């Protein structure tokens, strides 16, 4: 599989944006987590080549619009992931969480028909290769505490704060203990 890497500046660090030949996003991570990203690419795709892109990705401008406050800019981005059926279901459900909203691992598991599957949802979240666009940052612990964001909890807090501020509704993000 031939993949293409672009580096996109953002307020929370340089983003590594990986696309395929059809311009579908295959991975999004942060420059300081490049090893993690490469490991996930190997896990999901086996052998792959990653070369610097020679043209801009359609997702790049959408990311910049998101960071500029257009929270729904990421919704139309074409993604392609390779994971188990359950992981695919979790990642699809994540994309249904509106900006400036949060859910818990347990609620997401229940939504997927896995009433005792909070840990399984957490594991699928951890294997998500496409941060921000597949918004795993919108999932928090049952007590409302920030947990489990591969890009670091500071970035998760920043993303949630950004969405809350841009949505202009401080109540949308409230969960007990948050």
Protein backbone atom coordinates (compact mmCIF):
# COMPACT_ATOMS: atom_id res chain seq x y z
CA UNK A 1 0.00 0.00 0.00
CA UNK A 2 1.37 3.40 -0.98
CA UNK A 3 0.54 6.18 1.46
CA UNK A 4 1.34 9.88 1.40
CA UNK A 5 2.36 12.08 4.33
CA UNK A 6 1.62 15.75 4.77
CA UNK A 7 2.57 17.90 7.73
CA UNK A 8 -0.14 20.36 8.72
CA UNK A 9 0.54 23.08 11.31
CA UNK A 10 -2.07 23.42 14.04
CA UNK A 11 -2.47 25.25 17.37
CA UNK A 12 -1.68 21.97 19.20
CA UNK A 13 1.34 20.87 17.20
CA UNK A 14 2.24 19.64 13.76
CA UNK A 15 -0.30 17.13 12.47
CA UNK A 16 0.79 14.15 10.41
CA UNK A 17 -1.89 13.60 7.79
CA UNK A 18 -1.64 10.31 5.88
CA UNK A 19 -3.72 9.70 2.78
CA UNK A 20 -3.94 7.02 0.11
CA UNK A 21 -3.85 7.43 -3.67
CA UNK A 22 -7.58 8.25 -3.64
CA UNK A 23 -7.03 11.10 -1.13
CA UNK A 24 -8.81 9.21 1.67
CA UNK A 25 -7.40 9.84 5.13
CA UNK A 26 -5.78 6.70 6.53
CA UNK A 27 -4.13 8.21 9.61
CA UNK A 28 -3.91 11.47 11.52
CA UNK A 29 -1.59 11.87 14.47
CA UNK A 30 0.82 14.38 15.93
CA UNK A 31 4.45 14.77 14.97
CA UNK A 32 5.64 13.81 18.46
CA UNK A 33 3.63 10.56 18.16
CA UNK A 34 4.96 9.52 14.75
CA UNK A 35 6.20 6.16 16.03
CA UNK A 36 2.74 5.35 17.38
CA UNK A 37 1.19 6.33 14.06
CA UNK A 38 3.60 4.12 12.12
CA UNK A 39 2.87 1.24 14.48
CA UNK A 40 -0.88 1.65 13.92
CA UNK A 41 -0.34 1.78 10.15
CA UNK A 42 1.59 -1.51 10.36
CA UNK A 43 -1.11 -3.05 12.57
CA UNK A 44 -3.89 -2.01 10.21
CA UNK A 45 -2.23 -2.45 6.82
CA UNK A 46 0.84 -4.65 7.22
CA UNK A 47 3.47 -3.56 4.73
CA UNK A 48 3.11 -0.01 3.46
CA UNK A 49 5.26 2.74 1.98
CA UNK A 50 5.00 6.27 3.26
CA UNK A 51 6.32 9.08 1.11
CA UNK A 52 6.07 12.83 1.33
CA UNK A 53 3.07 14.05 -0.62
CA UNK A 54 3.68 16.25 -3.60
CA UNK A 55 0.19 17.78 -3.67
CA UNK A 56 -2.13 19.09 -0.96
CA UNK A 57 -4.75 16.79 0.54
CA UNK A 58 -8.39 17.82 0.49
CA UNK A 59 -8.46 17.20 4.26
CA UNK A 60 -5.79 19.85 4.92
CA UNK A 61 -7.99 22.91 4.35
CA UNK A 62 -10.84 21.28 6.27
CA UNK A 63 -8.53 20.81 9.27
CA UNK A 64 -7.48 24.45 9.08
CA UNK A 65 -11.15 25.52 8.96
CA UNK A 66 -11.88 23.33 12.00
CA UNK A 67 -9.08 24.99 13.96
CA UNK A 68 -10.36 28.40 12.81
CA UNK A 69 -13.72 27.62 14.40
CA UNK A 70 -15.75 25.89 11.68
CA UNK A 71 -16.43 22.80 13.76
CA UNK A 72 -18.41 20.91 11.14
CA UNK A 73 -15.62 21.22 8.53
CA UNK A 74 -14.40 17.68 9.27
CA UNK A 75 -17.69 15.90 8.61
CA UNK A 76 -17.28 15.47 4.87
CA UNK A 77 -13.71 14.18 4.93
CA UNK A 78 -13.37 10.78 3.29
CA UNK A 79 -11.63 8.29 5.58
CA UNK A 80 -10.65 4.66 5.11
CA UNK A 81 -9.60 2.48 8.00
CA UNK A 82 -8.72 -1.13 8.33
CA UNK A 83 -9.79 -2.69 11.61
CA UNK A 84 -12.02 -5.36 13.06
CA UNK A 85 -15.76 -5.19 12.52
CA UNK A 86 -16.20 -3.93 16.09
CA UNK A 87 -13.51 -1.27 15.68
CA UNK A 88 -15.18 -0.11 12.47
CA UNK A 89 -18.51 0.19 14.29
CA UNK A 90 -16.94 2.18 17.13
CA UNK A 91 -15.13 4.50 14.72
CA UNK A 92 -18.33 5.07 12.73
CA UNK A 93 -20.19 5.86 15.97
CA UNK A 94 -17.47 8.33 16.95
CA UNK A 95 -18.07 10.26 13.74
CA UNK A 96 -21.72 10.63 14.77
CA UNK A 97 -20.87 12.53 17.98
CA UNK A 98 -21.51 16.19 17.15
CA UNK A 99 -18.82 18.79 17.82
CA UNK A 100 -18.95 20.25 21.32
CA UNK A 101 -20.65 17.13 22.69
CA UNK A 102 -19.19 14.35 24.77
CA UNK A 103 -20.17 10.81 25.62
CA UNK A 104 -18.71 8.14 27.87
CA UNK A 105 -17.19 4.81 26.94
CA UNK A 106 -20.10 3.06 28.65
CA UNK A 107 -22.77 5.07 26.82
CA UNK A 108 -21.06 4.44 23.50
CA UNK A 109 -20.85 0.71 24.28
CA UNK A 110 -24.55 0.62 25.13
CA UNK A 111 -25.36 2.49 21.92
CA UNK A 112 -23.50 -0.25 20.04
CA UNK A 113 -25.40 -3.01 21.87
CA UNK A 114 -22.43 -3.94 24.08
CA UNK A 115 -23.91 -3.15 27.49
CA UNK A 116 -20.79 -4.22 29.39
CA UNK A 117 -18.37 -3.21 26.66
CA UNK A 118 -16.87 0.05 27.93
CA UNK A 119 -13.37 -1.45 27.98
CA UNK A 120 -13.79 -2.84 24.46
CA UNK A 121 -14.87 0.62 23.27
CA UNK A 122 -11.84 2.10 25.04
CA UNK A 123 -9.59 -0.39 23.30
CA UNK A 124 -11.11 0.43 19.91
CA UNK A 125 -10.66 4.12 20.66
CA UNK A 126 -6.99 3.47 21.40
CA UNK A 127 -6.58 1.74 18.05
CA UNK A 128 -8.21 4.61 16.14
CA UNK A 129 -5.62 5.73 13.58
CA UNK A 130 -7.44 8.95 12.64
CA UNK A 131 -7.51 11.39 15.54
CA UNK A 132 -9.69 14.53 15.44
CA UNK A 133 -11.55 13.54 12.23
CA UNK A 134 -12.72 10.35 13.95
CA UNK A 135 -13.27 12.28 17.18
CA UNK A 136 -12.18 9.91 19.92
CA UNK A 137 -11.39 13.02 21.98
CA UNK A 138 -15.15 13.39 22.60
CA UNK A 139 -15.26 10.24 24.73
CA UNK A 140 -14.55 10.56 28.46
CA UNK A 141 -14.63 8.37 31.53
CA UNK A 142 -17.89 7.56 33.34
CA UNK A 143 -17.09 10.24 35.93
CA UNK A 144 -16.51 12.87 33.24
CA UNK A 145 -12.73 12.80 33.62
CA UNK A 146 -10.48 13.04 30.60
CA UNK A 147 -8.90 9.70 29.85
CA UNK A 148 -7.22 7.88 27.04
CA UNK A 149 -6.24 10.25 24.25
CA UNK A 150 -3.20 9.01 22.35
CA UNK A 151 -2.13 12.57 21.52
CA UNK A 152 -1.95 13.44 25.22
CA UNK A 153 -4.53 14.69 27.69
CA UNK A 154 -3.45 18.32 27.19
CA UNK A 155 -4.42 18.07 23.53
CA UNK A 156 -7.70 16.34 24.38
CA UNK A 157 -8.53 19.13 26.83
CA UNK A 158 -7.59 21.75 24.22
CA UNK A 159 -9.78 20.13 21.53
CA UNK A 160 -12.77 19.90 23.87
CA UNK A 161 -12.23 23.49 25.05
CA UNK A 162 -11.92 24.69 21.44
CA UNK A 163 -15.17 23.02 20.48
CA UNK A 164 -16.96 24.34 23.56
CA UNK A 165 -15.74 27.90 22.94
CA UNK A 166 -16.58 27.83 19.24
CA UNK A 167 -20.02 26.32 19.86
CA UNK A 168 -20.69 29.21 22.23
CA UNK A 169 -22.63 26.97 24.57
CA UNK A 170 -20.88 26.14 27.82
CA UNK A 171 -23.61 23.67 28.74
CA UNK A 172 -23.08 21.32 25.77
CA UNK A 173 -19.95 19.76 27.21
CA UNK A 174 -20.99 19.28 30.83
CA UNK A 175 -20.85 15.86 32.38
CA UNK A 176 -20.73 15.07 36.09
CA UNK A 177 -17.26 15.83 37.42
CA UNK A 178 -16.15 17.76 34.34
